[in-house]
Amino acid sequence: MKREAQDKERQIKALSLEKSMKSYQRNTLAIIIVLLVIIGFLLYNKLRSRQRKNTELAEIKQQALNNKLEFNNMELKNYALYMSHRNELITNFIEELSVLDKSGSAEISLKLHKLIHKFRYDINIEKYVEDFNLQIETKYQDFFYNLQQKFPDLTQNERRLCAQIRLSLSIKEIASLNNISVKSAEMARYRLRKHFGLNPTDSLNDFLKSF
């Protein structure tokens, strides 16, 4: 009986120990699960925060790029307008001098003739236009490349005209900038529309901005 009592006591202790071990294992497992959930939550928040920062950084970079493009467009357009107005003023001045040249004395007419010749020489100097075209080709490299890929048979003058139209210059401004007549500028623009296969309702400016 004493031995049976001892065996039962040992069994009770064993069961108690087994129960304690199972309880310890359950508690340990619960703690591990809680820790994993916390770690997962922290990692998720960190990933979300990183993604949000990357998105904000990408938006800032894109906004900076858009601002730079807008600034370049405005800078080029202002330069084009300056040259256009300059050429227009010189042309009008030459016309006024030509009237005086025909109505003045021989000596005055000679001086006026030389002055007219000088202004005509100045307005025909291509330095300013070439400098402007160089700036456009430098800042619009992607535009010229994409345009050339789709329409490889465009001439250099046609590509430059496309860039000027993309800057939203008027026909009069384009004509003055290139020292040609308004009619010639209109014809060049018409040939471009025909070459691109645009409908009468299609905007040439919007079409060129897609490149």
N, C-alpha and C. Protein backbone atom coordinates (compact mmCIF):
# COMPACT_ATOMS: atom_id res chain seq x y z
N MET A 1 0.83 -1.21 0.00
CA MET A 1 0.00 0.00 0.00
C MET A 1 0.87 1.26 0.00
N LYS A 2 1.95 1.13 0.80
CA LYS A 2 2.88 2.27 0.84
C LYS A 2 3.49 2.51 -0.53
N ARG A 3 3.85 1.36 -1.21
CA ARG A 3 4.44 1.48 -2.54
C ARG A 3 3.42 2.06 -3.52
N GLU A 4 2.19 1.62 -3.42
CA GLU A 4 1.16 2.13 -4.32
C GLU A 4 0.95 3.64 -4.10
N ALA A 5 1.01 4.01 -2.83
CA ALA A 5 0.86 5.43 -2.51
C ALA A 5 2.00 6.25 -3.11
N GLN A 6 3.19 5.68 -3.01
CA GLN A 6 4.35 6.37 -3.58
C GLN A 6 4.24 6.46 -5.12
N ASP A 7 3.77 5.35 -5.74
CA ASP A 7 3.60 5.37 -7.19
C ASP A 7 2.58 6.43 -7.62
N LYS A 8 1.47 6.46 -6.86
CA LYS A 8 0.45 7.45 -7.19
C LYS A 8 0.99 8.87 -7.02
N GLU A 9 1.79 9.05 -5.96
CA GLU A 9 2.37 10.39 -5.72
C GLU A 9 3.29 10.77 -6.87
N ARG A 10 4.10 9.76 -7.29
CA ARG A 10 4.99 10.05 -8.44
C ARG A 10 4.18 10.36 -9.70
N GLN A 11 3.11 9.62 -9.92
CA GLN A 11 2.26 9.88 -11.09
C GLN A 11 1.64 11.27 -11.03
N ILE A 12 1.19 11.63 -9.83
CA ILE A 12 0.60 12.96 -9.66
C ILE A 12 1.63 14.05 -9.94
N LYS A 13 2.86 13.82 -9.42
CA LYS A 13 3.92 14.80 -9.67
C LYS A 13 4.25 14.88 -11.16
N ALA A 14 4.27 13.69 -11.80
CA ALA A 14 4.57 13.66 -13.23
C ALA A 14 3.50 14.38 -14.03
N LEU A 15 2.24 14.10 -13.67
CA LEU A 15 1.13 14.78 -14.36
C LEU A 15 1.18 16.29 -14.13
N SER A 16 1.51 16.64 -12.86
CA SER A 16 1.59 18.08 -12.54
C SER A 16 2.71 18.74 -13.33
N LEU A 17 3.84 18.02 -13.42
CA LEU A 17 4.97 18.56 -14.17
C LEU A 17 4.64 18.67 -15.66
N GLU A 18 3.95 17.62 -16.16
CA GLU A 18 3.56 17.64 -17.58
C GLU A 18 2.59 18.79 -17.85
N LYS A 19 1.67 18.98 -16.89
CA LYS A 19 0.70 20.06 -17.03
C LYS A 19 1.41 21.42 -17.01
N SER A 20 2.41 21.54 -16.11
CA SER A 20 3.17 22.79 -16.02
C SER A 20 3.95 23.05 -17.32
N MET A 21 4.53 21.96 -17.88
CA MET A 21 5.28 22.09 -19.13
C MET A 21 4.37 22.53 -20.27
N LYS A 22 3.19 21.91 -20.34
CA LYS A 22 2.25 22.29 -21.40
C LYS A 22 1.81 23.74 -21.25
N SER A 23 1.57 24.14 -19.97
CA SER A 23 1.18 25.53 -19.72
C SER A 23 2.31 26.47 -20.12
N TYR A 24 3.55 26.06 -19.76
CA TYR A 24 4.72 26.88 -20.11
C TYR A 24 4.85 26.97 -21.64
N GLN A 25 4.65 25.85 -22.32
CA GLN A 25 4.76 25.85 -23.78
C GLN A 25 3.68 26.74 -24.40
N ARG A 26 2.44 26.63 -23.86
CA ARG A 26 1.36 27.47 -24.40
C ARG A 26 1.66 28.94 -24.19
N ASN A 27 2.15 29.28 -23.00
CA ASN A 27 2.48 30.68 -22.71
C ASN A 27 3.62 31.17 -23.60
N THR A 28 4.62 30.29 -23.75
CA THR A 28 5.75 30.65 -24.60
C THR A 28 5.30 30.87 -26.05
N LEU A 29 4.46 29.95 -26.53
CA LEU A 29 3.94 30.07 -27.89
C LEU A 29 3.12 31.35 -28.07
N ALA A 30 2.31 31.65 -27.06
CA ALA A 30 1.49 32.88 -27.11
C ALA A 30 2.38 34.12 -27.16
N ILE A 31 3.43 34.10 -26.34
CA ILE A 31 4.36 35.25 -26.32
C ILE A 31 5.05 35.39 -27.67
N ILE A 32 5.48 34.25 -28.24
CA ILE A 32 6.14 34.30 -29.56
C ILE A 32 5.20 34.85 -30.62
N ILE A 33 3.94 34.37 -30.58
CA ILE A 33 2.95 34.86 -31.56
C ILE A 33 2.74 36.36 -31.41
N VAL A 34 2.61 36.81 -30.15
CA VAL A 34 2.42 38.25 -29.90
C VAL A 34 3.62 39.05 -30.41
N LEU A 35 4.83 38.53 -30.13
CA LEU A 35 6.04 39.21 -30.59
C LEU A 35 6.10 39.26 -32.11
N LEU A 36 5.73 38.14 -32.74
CA LEU A 36 5.72 38.11 -34.22
C LEU A 36 4.72 39.12 -34.79
N VAL A 37 3.55 39.19 -34.15
CA VAL A 37 2.54 40.16 -34.60
C VAL A 37 3.07 41.59 -34.45
N ILE A 38 3.69 41.86 -33.30
CA ILE A 38 4.24 43.21 -33.06
C ILE A 38 5.34 43.52 -34.07
N ILE A 39 6.25 42.55 -34.27
CA ILE A 39 7.35 42.76 -35.23
C ILE A 39 6.79 42.97 -36.64
N GLY A 40 5.80 42.14 -37.00
CA GLY A 40 5.18 42.29 -38.32
C GLY A 40 4.51 43.64 -38.48
N PHE A 41 3.83 44.09 -37.43
CA PHE A 41 3.17 45.40 -37.47
C PHE A 41 4.19 46.52 -37.63
N LEU A 42 5.30 46.41 -36.87
CA LEU A 42 6.34 47.43 -36.95
C LEU A 42 7.00 47.44 -38.33
N LEU A 43 7.26 46.24 -38.87
CA LEU A 43 7.84 46.15 -40.21
C LEU A 43 6.89 46.71 -41.27
N TYR A 44 5.60 46.41 -41.10
CA TYR A 44 4.59 46.93 -42.04
C TYR A 44 4.53 48.45 -42.01
N ASN A 45 4.54 49.00 -40.80
CA ASN A 45 4.52 50.46 -40.68
C ASN A 45 5.78 51.09 -41.27
N LYS A 46 6.92 50.42 -41.02
CA LYS A 46 8.18 50.93 -41.56
C LYS A 46 8.17 50.90 -43.09
N LEU A 47 7.63 49.79 -43.65
CA LEU A 47 7.55 49.67 -45.11
C LEU A 47 6.60 50.71 -45.69
N ARG A 48 5.45 50.90 -45.03
CA ARG A 48 4.49 51.92 -45.48
C ARG A 48 5.11 53.31 -45.43
N SER A 49 5.85 53.56 -44.34
CA SER A 49 6.49 54.86 -44.19
C SER A 49 7.54 55.08 -45.28
N ARG A 50 8.31 54.02 -45.58
CA ARG A 50 9.32 54.12 -46.62
C ARG A 50 8.67 54.34 -47.99
N GLN A 51 7.59 53.59 -48.25
CA GLN A 51 6.89 53.75 -49.53
C GLN A 51 6.31 55.15 -49.65
N ARG A 52 5.76 55.67 -48.54
CA ARG A 52 5.19 57.02 -48.55
C ARG A 52 6.28 58.06 -48.82
N LYS A 53 7.44 57.88 -48.18
CA LYS A 53 8.54 58.81 -48.40
C LYS A 53 9.04 58.73 -49.84
N ASN A 54 9.13 57.50 -50.38
CA ASN A 54 9.56 57.35 -51.77
C ASN A 54 8.57 58.00 -52.73
N THR A 55 7.28 57.83 -52.42
CA THR A 55 6.25 58.45 -53.26
C THR A 55 6.35 59.97 -53.20
N GLU A 56 6.51 60.50 -51.99
CA GLU A 56 6.64 61.96 -51.83
C GLU A 56 7.89 62.47 -52.54
N LEU A 57 8.99 61.71 -52.44
CA LEU A 57 10.23 62.11 -53.09
C LEU A 57 10.08 62.10 -54.61
N ALA A 58 9.38 61.05 -55.12
CA ALA A 58 9.14 60.97 -56.57
C ALA A 58 8.28 62.13 -57.04
N GLU A 59 7.27 62.50 -56.23
CA GLU A 59 6.40 63.62 -56.59
C GLU A 59 7.18 64.93 -56.59
N ILE A 60 8.08 65.09 -55.60
CA ILE A 60 8.89 66.31 -55.53
C ILE A 60 9.81 66.40 -56.74
N LYS A 61 10.44 65.25 -57.10
CA LYS A 61 11.33 65.24 -58.27
C LYS A 61 10.55 65.55 -59.55
N GLN A 62 9.35 64.96 -59.67
CA GLN A 62 8.54 65.20 -60.86
C GLN A 62 8.11 66.66 -60.94
N GLN A 63 7.73 67.22 -59.79
CA GLN A 63 7.33 68.62 -59.75
C GLN A 63 8.50 69.53 -60.12
N ALA A 64 9.70 69.17 -59.62
CA ALA A 64 10.89 69.95 -59.95
C ALA A 64 11.19 69.87 -61.43
N LEU A 65 11.01 68.66 -62.02
CA LEU A 65 11.24 68.48 -63.46
C LEU A 65 10.23 69.30 -64.26
N ASN A 66 8.96 69.26 -63.82
CA ASN A 66 7.92 70.03 -64.52
C ASN A 66 8.21 71.53 -64.44
N ASN A 67 8.65 71.97 -63.26
CA ASN A 67 8.97 73.39 -63.09
C ASN A 67 10.15 73.79 -63.99
N LYS A 68 11.14 72.88 -64.09
CA LYS A 68 12.29 73.16 -64.94
C LYS A 68 11.89 73.25 -66.40
N LEU A 69 11.03 72.31 -66.85
CA LEU A 69 10.56 72.32 -68.23
C LEU A 69 9.75 73.58 -68.51
N GLU A 70 8.89 73.94 -67.55
CA GLU A 70 8.07 75.14 -67.72
C GLU A 70 8.95 76.38 -67.78
N PHE A 71 9.98 76.42 -66.94
CA PHE A 71 10.91 77.55 -66.96
C PHE A 71 11.65 77.62 -68.29
N ASN A 72 12.12 76.46 -68.78
CA ASN A 72 12.82 76.43 -70.07
C ASN A 72 11.92 76.90 -71.19
N ASN A 73 10.65 76.44 -71.17
CA ASN A 73 9.70 76.86 -72.20
C ASN A 73 9.49 78.37 -72.17
N MET A 74 9.31 78.89 -70.95
CA MET A 74 9.08 80.33 -70.82
C MET A 74 10.31 81.12 -71.24
N GLU A 75 11.49 80.63 -70.87
CA GLU A 75 12.73 81.31 -71.22
C GLU A 75 12.93 81.36 -72.73
N LEU A 76 12.71 80.21 -73.38
CA LEU A 76 12.86 80.15 -74.84
C LEU A 76 11.81 81.01 -75.55
N LYS A 77 10.59 80.95 -75.03
CA LYS A 77 9.53 81.74 -75.65
C LYS A 77 9.81 83.24 -75.53
N ASN A 78 10.27 83.67 -74.35
CA ASN A 78 10.60 85.09 -74.17
C ASN A 78 11.74 85.52 -75.09
N TYR A 79 12.72 84.63 -75.26
CA TYR A 79 13.83 84.93 -76.17
C TYR A 79 13.34 85.04 -77.61
N ALA A 80 12.44 84.12 -77.99
CA ALA A 80 11.88 84.14 -79.34
C ALA A 80 11.05 85.41 -79.56
N LEU A 81 10.27 85.79 -78.55
CA LEU A 81 9.46 87.00 -78.67
C LEU A 81 10.35 88.24 -78.78
N TYR A 82 11.45 88.24 -78.01
CA TYR A 82 12.38 89.37 -78.08
C TYR A 82 12.94 89.52 -79.50
N MET A 83 13.40 88.41 -80.09
CA MET A 83 13.97 88.48 -81.43
C MET A 83 12.91 88.83 -82.47
N SER A 84 11.70 88.30 -82.26
CA SER A 84 10.62 88.60 -83.19
C SER A 84 10.28 90.10 -83.18
N HIS A 85 10.16 90.67 -81.98
CA HIS A 85 9.85 92.10 -81.87
C HIS A 85 11.02 92.95 -82.36
N ARG A 86 12.23 92.50 -82.09
CA ARG A 86 13.40 93.23 -82.57
C ARG A 86 13.43 93.29 -84.09
N ASN A 87 13.20 92.16 -84.72
CA ASN A 87 13.19 92.13 -86.19
C ASN A 87 12.06 92.96 -86.76
N GLU A 88 10.92 92.91 -86.07
CA GLU A 88 9.77 93.69 -86.54
C GLU A 88 10.04 95.18 -86.45
N LEU A 89 10.66 95.62 -85.35
CA LEU A 89 11.00 97.04 -85.20
C LEU A 89 12.00 97.50 -86.25
N ILE A 90 13.01 96.67 -86.48
CA ILE A 90 14.02 97.03 -87.48
C ILE A 90 13.39 97.09 -88.87
N THR A 91 12.52 96.14 -89.17
CA THR A 91 11.85 96.13 -90.49
C THR A 91 11.01 97.38 -90.68
N ASN A 92 10.24 97.76 -89.67
CA ASN A 92 9.41 98.96 -89.76
C ASN A 92 10.29 100.21 -89.90
N PHE A 93 11.41 100.22 -89.18
CA PHE A 93 12.32 101.37 -89.27
C PHE A 93 12.93 101.47 -90.66
N ILE A 94 13.27 100.34 -91.25
CA ILE A 94 13.82 100.33 -92.61
C ILE A 94 12.80 100.87 -93.59
N GLU A 95 11.55 100.48 -93.42
CA GLU A 95 10.51 100.97 -94.32
C GLU A 95 10.36 102.49 -94.22
N GLU A 96 10.42 103.01 -92.98
CA GLU A 96 10.32 104.47 -92.80
C GLU A 96 11.53 105.18 -93.40
N LEU A 97 12.71 104.60 -93.25
CA LEU A 97 13.90 105.20 -93.85
C LEU A 97 13.83 105.16 -95.37
N SER A 98 13.24 104.11 -95.91
CA SER A 98 13.12 103.99 -97.36
C SER A 98 12.25 105.11 -97.93
N VAL A 99 11.20 105.47 -97.19
CA VAL A 99 10.34 106.57 -97.62
C VAL A 99 11.11 107.88 -97.63
N LEU A 100 11.90 108.12 -96.56
CA LEU A 100 12.71 109.34 -96.49
C LEU A 100 13.79 109.35 -97.57
N ASP A 101 14.32 108.16 -97.88
CA ASP A 101 15.37 108.05 -98.89
C ASP A 101 14.87 108.53 -100.25
N LYS A 102 13.62 108.25 -100.54
CA LYS A 102 13.08 108.62 -101.85
C LYS A 102 12.69 110.09 -101.93
N SER A 103 12.49 110.74 -100.79
CA SER A 103 12.00 112.12 -100.80
C SER A 103 13.06 113.14 -100.42
N GLY A 104 14.28 112.69 -100.06
CA GLY A 104 15.30 113.63 -99.61
C GLY A 104 16.25 114.06 -100.73
N SER A 105 17.23 114.90 -100.34
CA SER A 105 18.23 115.35 -101.28
C SER A 105 19.21 114.22 -101.58
N ALA A 106 20.12 114.48 -102.53
CA ALA A 106 21.06 113.43 -102.95
C ALA A 106 21.97 113.01 -101.81
N GLU A 107 22.49 114.01 -101.05
CA GLU A 107 23.39 113.71 -99.95
C GLU A 107 22.67 112.94 -98.84
N ILE A 108 21.44 113.43 -98.51
CA ILE A 108 20.67 112.75 -97.47
C ILE A 108 20.29 111.34 -97.92
N SER A 109 19.92 111.24 -99.20
CA SER A 109 19.53 109.93 -99.73
C SER A 109 20.68 108.94 -99.66
N LEU A 110 21.90 109.43 -99.91
CA LEU A 110 23.06 108.55 -99.85
C LEU A 110 23.29 108.04 -98.43
N LYS A 111 23.19 108.96 -97.47
CA LYS A 111 23.37 108.55 -96.07
C LYS A 111 22.27 107.59 -95.62
N LEU A 112 21.05 107.91 -96.03
CA LEU A 112 19.94 107.05 -95.66
C LEU A 112 20.08 105.67 -96.30
N HIS A 113 20.56 105.67 -97.54
CA HIS A 113 20.75 104.40 -98.25
C HIS A 113 21.77 103.52 -97.52
N LYS A 114 22.86 104.13 -97.06
CA LYS A 114 23.86 103.39 -96.31
C LYS A 114 23.28 102.87 -94.99
N LEU A 115 22.48 103.73 -94.34
CA LEU A 115 21.88 103.35 -93.07
C LEU A 115 20.89 102.19 -93.25
N ILE A 116 20.10 102.28 -94.33
CA ILE A 116 19.15 101.20 -94.64
C ILE A 116 19.89 99.90 -94.91
N HIS A 117 20.97 100.02 -95.68
CA HIS A 117 21.76 98.83 -95.99
C HIS A 117 22.33 98.20 -94.72
N LYS A 118 22.78 99.05 -93.79
CA LYS A 118 23.33 98.54 -92.52
C LYS A 118 22.26 97.80 -91.72
N PHE A 119 21.06 98.40 -91.61
CA PHE A 119 19.99 97.75 -90.85
C PHE A 119 19.55 96.45 -91.52
N ARG A 120 19.50 96.45 -92.83
CA ARG A 120 19.13 95.21 -93.53
C ARG A 120 20.17 94.13 -93.30
N TYR A 121 21.41 94.55 -93.21
CA TYR A 121 22.48 93.58 -92.93
C TYR A 121 22.32 93.03 -91.51
N ASP A 122 22.01 93.95 -90.57
CA ASP A 122 21.84 93.54 -89.18
C ASP A 122 20.69 92.55 -89.02
N ILE A 123 19.58 92.82 -89.68
CA ILE A 123 18.41 91.97 -89.51
C ILE A 123 18.60 90.61 -90.18
N ASN A 124 19.50 90.57 -91.16
CA ASN A 124 19.74 89.31 -91.86
C ASN A 124 20.83 88.47 -91.20
N ILE A 125 21.50 89.03 -90.18
CA ILE A 125 22.51 88.24 -89.47
C ILE A 125 21.81 87.08 -88.75
N GLU A 126 22.29 85.89 -88.95
CA GLU A 126 21.63 84.71 -88.42
C GLU A 126 22.17 84.29 -87.05
N LYS A 127 23.06 85.12 -86.49
CA LYS A 127 23.66 84.74 -85.20
C LYS A 127 22.60 84.52 -84.12
N TYR A 128 21.67 85.46 -84.01
CA TYR A 128 20.67 85.37 -82.95
C TYR A 128 19.75 84.17 -83.16
N VAL A 129 19.32 83.98 -84.41
CA VAL A 129 18.44 82.86 -84.71
C VAL A 129 19.16 81.54 -84.48
N GLU A 130 20.41 81.46 -84.91
CA GLU A 130 21.18 80.23 -84.71
C GLU A 130 21.39 79.94 -83.23
N ASP A 131 21.63 81.00 -82.47
CA ASP A 131 21.80 80.83 -81.03
C ASP A 131 20.50 80.33 -80.40
N PHE A 132 19.38 80.88 -80.84
CA PHE A 132 18.07 80.45 -80.35
C PHE A 132 17.80 78.99 -80.71
N ASN A 133 18.08 78.63 -81.97
CA ASN A 133 17.86 77.24 -82.41
C ASN A 133 18.76 76.27 -81.64
N LEU A 134 19.98 76.70 -81.34
CA LEU A 134 20.90 75.86 -80.58
C LEU A 134 20.36 75.62 -79.17
N GLN A 135 19.80 76.66 -78.56
CA GLN A 135 19.23 76.52 -77.22
C GLN A 135 18.04 75.56 -77.24
N ILE A 136 17.20 75.69 -78.26
CA ILE A 136 16.04 74.79 -78.38
C ILE A 136 16.51 73.34 -78.53
N GLU A 137 17.46 73.12 -79.43
CA GLU A 137 17.93 71.76 -79.69
C GLU A 137 18.61 71.16 -78.45
N THR A 138 19.20 72.02 -77.61
CA THR A 138 19.85 71.54 -76.40
C THR A 138 18.82 71.18 -75.33
N LYS A 139 17.82 72.03 -75.16
CA LYS A 139 16.84 71.83 -74.10
C LYS A 139 15.69 70.91 -74.51
N TYR A 140 15.50 70.72 -75.81
CA TYR A 140 14.41 69.87 -76.32
C TYR A 140 14.96 68.63 -77.01
N GLN A 141 16.01 68.05 -76.46
CA GLN A 141 16.64 66.89 -77.10
C GLN A 141 15.67 65.73 -77.26
N ASP A 142 14.90 65.44 -76.21
CA ASP A 142 13.94 64.34 -76.28
C ASP A 142 12.87 64.61 -77.33
N PHE A 143 12.41 65.86 -77.39
CA PHE A 143 11.38 66.23 -78.36
C PHE A 143 11.88 66.01 -79.79
N PHE A 144 13.07 66.50 -80.09
CA PHE A 144 13.63 66.35 -81.44
C PHE A 144 13.90 64.88 -81.77
N TYR A 145 14.35 64.12 -80.76
CA TYR A 145 14.64 62.70 -81.00
C TYR A 145 13.34 61.94 -81.32
N ASN A 146 12.30 62.16 -80.50
CA ASN A 146 11.03 61.46 -80.73
C ASN A 146 10.40 61.87 -82.05
N LEU A 147 10.50 63.15 -82.38
CA LEU A 147 9.94 63.64 -83.64
C LEU A 147 10.68 63.03 -84.83
N GLN A 148 12.00 62.94 -84.70
CA GLN A 148 12.82 62.38 -85.77
C GLN A 148 12.54 60.89 -85.95
N GLN A 149 12.29 60.17 -84.85
CA GLN A 149 12.01 58.74 -84.93
C GLN A 149 10.70 58.47 -85.67
N LYS A 150 9.70 59.30 -85.45
CA LYS A 150 8.40 59.06 -86.07
C LYS A 150 8.30 59.68 -87.45
N PHE A 151 8.99 60.81 -87.65
CA PHE A 151 8.94 61.48 -88.96
C PHE A 151 10.38 61.77 -89.40
N PRO A 152 11.08 60.76 -89.87
CA PRO A 152 12.51 60.92 -90.20
C PRO A 152 12.77 61.79 -91.43
N ASP A 153 11.75 62.01 -92.25
CA ASP A 153 11.96 62.78 -93.48
C ASP A 153 11.75 64.28 -93.29
N LEU A 154 11.53 64.73 -92.05
CA LEU A 154 11.41 66.17 -91.80
C LEU A 154 12.75 66.85 -91.99
N THR A 155 12.73 68.03 -92.60
CA THR A 155 13.97 68.79 -92.76
C THR A 155 14.32 69.49 -91.45
N GLN A 156 15.54 70.01 -91.39
CA GLN A 156 15.97 70.72 -90.18
C GLN A 156 15.09 71.94 -89.93
N ASN A 157 14.77 72.69 -90.98
CA ASN A 157 13.92 73.87 -90.82
C ASN A 157 12.53 73.49 -90.35
N GLU A 158 12.01 72.35 -90.84
CA GLU A 158 10.68 71.90 -90.41
C GLU A 158 10.70 71.49 -88.95
N ARG A 159 11.76 70.84 -88.51
CA ARG A 159 11.87 70.46 -87.10
C ARG A 159 11.96 71.70 -86.21
N ARG A 160 12.71 72.69 -86.67
CA ARG A 160 12.81 73.93 -85.89
C ARG A 160 11.47 74.64 -85.84
N LEU A 161 10.75 74.61 -86.96
CA LEU A 161 9.42 75.22 -86.98
C LEU A 161 8.49 74.51 -86.00
N CYS A 162 8.61 73.19 -85.92
CA CYS A 162 7.80 72.42 -84.96
C CYS A 162 8.08 72.88 -83.53
N ALA A 163 9.35 73.10 -83.22
CA ALA A 163 9.71 73.55 -81.87
C ALA A 163 9.14 74.94 -81.60
N GLN A 164 9.17 75.82 -82.59
CA GLN A 164 8.63 77.17 -82.41
C GLN A 164 7.11 77.13 -82.22
N ILE A 165 6.44 76.24 -82.95
CA ILE A 165 4.99 76.10 -82.78
C ILE A 165 4.69 75.52 -81.40
N ARG A 166 5.53 74.59 -80.94
CA ARG A 166 5.34 73.97 -79.63
C ARG A 166 5.47 75.00 -78.51
N LEU A 167 6.22 76.08 -78.77
CA LEU A 167 6.36 77.17 -77.80
C LEU A 167 5.16 78.11 -77.81
N SER A 168 4.17 77.78 -78.66
CA SER A 168 2.93 78.58 -78.77
C SER A 168 3.19 79.97 -79.34
N LEU A 169 4.18 80.08 -80.23
CA LEU A 169 4.41 81.36 -80.92
C LEU A 169 3.36 81.53 -82.00
N SER A 170 2.93 82.76 -82.21
CA SER A 170 1.95 83.04 -83.25
C SER A 170 2.61 83.01 -84.62
N ILE A 171 1.77 82.97 -85.66
CA ILE A 171 2.29 82.97 -87.03
C ILE A 171 3.11 84.23 -87.30
N LYS A 172 2.64 85.35 -86.82
CA LYS A 172 3.35 86.61 -87.02
C LYS A 172 4.70 86.59 -86.33
N GLU A 173 4.75 86.04 -85.12
CA GLU A 173 6.00 85.96 -84.37
C GLU A 173 6.98 84.99 -85.03
N ILE A 174 6.46 83.88 -85.54
CA ILE A 174 7.31 82.91 -86.25
C ILE A 174 7.88 83.53 -87.51
N ALA A 175 7.03 84.27 -88.24
CA ALA A 175 7.48 84.91 -89.47
C ALA A 175 8.58 85.93 -89.18
N SER A 176 8.36 86.75 -88.16
CA SER A 176 9.35 87.77 -87.80
C SER A 176 10.63 87.14 -87.30
N LEU A 177 10.50 86.06 -86.52
CA LEU A 177 11.67 85.38 -85.97
C LEU A 177 12.56 84.82 -87.08
N ASN A 178 11.94 84.26 -88.10
CA ASN A 178 12.69 83.63 -89.19
C ASN A 178 12.91 84.57 -90.38
N ASN A 179 12.48 85.83 -90.20
CA ASN A 179 12.67 86.83 -91.25
C ASN A 179 12.03 86.40 -92.57
N ILE A 180 10.79 85.88 -92.47
CA ILE A 180 10.02 85.50 -93.66
C ILE A 180 8.66 86.18 -93.57
N SER A 181 7.90 86.09 -94.65
CA SER A 181 6.57 86.71 -94.65
C SER A 181 5.59 85.85 -93.85
N VAL A 182 4.50 86.49 -93.44
CA VAL A 182 3.46 85.76 -92.70
C VAL A 182 2.86 84.67 -93.58
N LYS A 183 2.72 84.98 -94.87
CA LYS A 183 2.16 83.99 -95.79
C LYS A 183 3.06 82.77 -95.90
N SER A 184 4.37 83.00 -95.94
CA SER A 184 5.31 81.88 -96.00
C SER A 184 5.23 81.02 -94.73
N ALA A 185 5.08 81.70 -93.58
CA ALA A 185 4.96 80.97 -92.31
C ALA A 185 3.67 80.15 -92.28
N GLU A 186 2.58 80.72 -92.79
CA GLU A 186 1.31 80.01 -92.84
C GLU A 186 1.41 78.79 -93.74
N MET A 187 2.08 78.94 -94.89
CA MET A 187 2.24 77.82 -95.82
C MET A 187 3.09 76.71 -95.18
N ALA A 188 4.14 77.09 -94.48
CA ALA A 188 4.99 76.11 -93.81
C ALA A 188 4.20 75.36 -92.74
N ARG A 189 3.38 76.08 -92.02
CA ARG A 189 2.54 75.45 -90.99
C ARG A 189 1.52 74.52 -91.64
N TYR A 190 0.95 74.94 -92.75
CA TYR A 190 -0.03 74.10 -93.47
C TYR A 190 0.62 72.81 -93.97
N ARG A 191 1.84 72.92 -94.48
CA ARG A 191 2.54 71.73 -94.97
C ARG A 191 2.83 70.74 -93.83
N LEU A 192 3.13 71.29 -92.66
CA LEU A 192 3.36 70.42 -91.50
C LEU A 192 2.09 69.66 -91.12
N ARG A 193 0.96 70.36 -91.08
CA ARG A 193 -0.32 69.71 -90.74
C ARG A 193 -0.62 68.60 -91.74
N LYS A 194 -0.38 68.89 -93.01
CA LYS A 194 -0.64 67.89 -94.05
C LYS A 194 0.31 66.71 -93.91
N HIS A 195 1.56 67.00 -93.58
CA HIS A 195 2.57 65.95 -93.42
C HIS A 195 2.22 65.03 -92.24
N PHE A 196 1.69 65.61 -91.17
CA PHE A 196 1.33 64.84 -89.99
C PHE A 196 -0.02 64.16 -90.12
N GLY A 197 -0.77 64.49 -91.18
CA GLY A 197 -2.08 63.88 -91.38
C GLY A 197 -3.12 64.34 -90.38
N LEU A 198 -3.08 65.61 -89.98
CA LEU A 198 -4.02 66.14 -88.99
C LEU A 198 -5.32 66.59 -89.65
N ASN A 199 -6.39 66.42 -88.92
CA ASN A 199 -7.69 66.92 -89.37
C ASN A 199 -7.78 68.43 -89.12
N PRO A 200 -8.69 69.11 -89.80
CA PRO A 200 -8.82 70.57 -89.60
C PRO A 200 -9.11 70.96 -88.15
N THR A 201 -9.79 70.04 -87.43
CA THR A 201 -10.13 70.36 -86.03
C THR A 201 -9.01 70.01 -85.05
N ASP A 202 -7.99 69.29 -85.51
CA ASP A 202 -6.88 68.90 -84.63
C ASP A 202 -5.96 70.08 -84.37
N SER A 203 -5.46 70.16 -83.15
CA SER A 203 -4.52 71.23 -82.78
C SER A 203 -3.09 70.79 -83.08
N LEU A 204 -2.41 71.55 -83.91
CA LEU A 204 -1.00 71.22 -84.22
C LEU A 204 -0.13 71.39 -82.99
N ASN A 205 -0.43 72.40 -82.18
CA ASN A 205 0.34 72.65 -80.96
C ASN A 205 0.21 71.48 -79.99
N ASP A 206 -1.02 71.00 -79.77
CA ASP A 206 -1.24 69.87 -78.86
C ASP A 206 -0.59 68.61 -79.42
N PHE A 207 -0.64 68.44 -80.74
CA PHE A 207 -0.02 67.27 -81.36
C PHE A 207 1.48 67.25 -81.11
N LEU A 208 2.12 68.40 -81.25
CA LEU A 208 3.57 68.47 -81.06
C LEU A 208 3.96 68.34 -79.59
N LYS A 209 3.07 68.74 -78.70
CA LYS A 209 3.36 68.61 -77.27
C LYS A 209 3.31 67.17 -76.80
N SER A 210 2.77 66.28 -77.62
CA SER A 210 2.71 64.86 -77.25
C SER A 210 4.03 64.15 -77.44
N PHE A 211 5.01 64.81 -78.08
CA PHE A 211 6.32 64.18 -78.30
C PHE A 211 7.25 64.48 -77.13
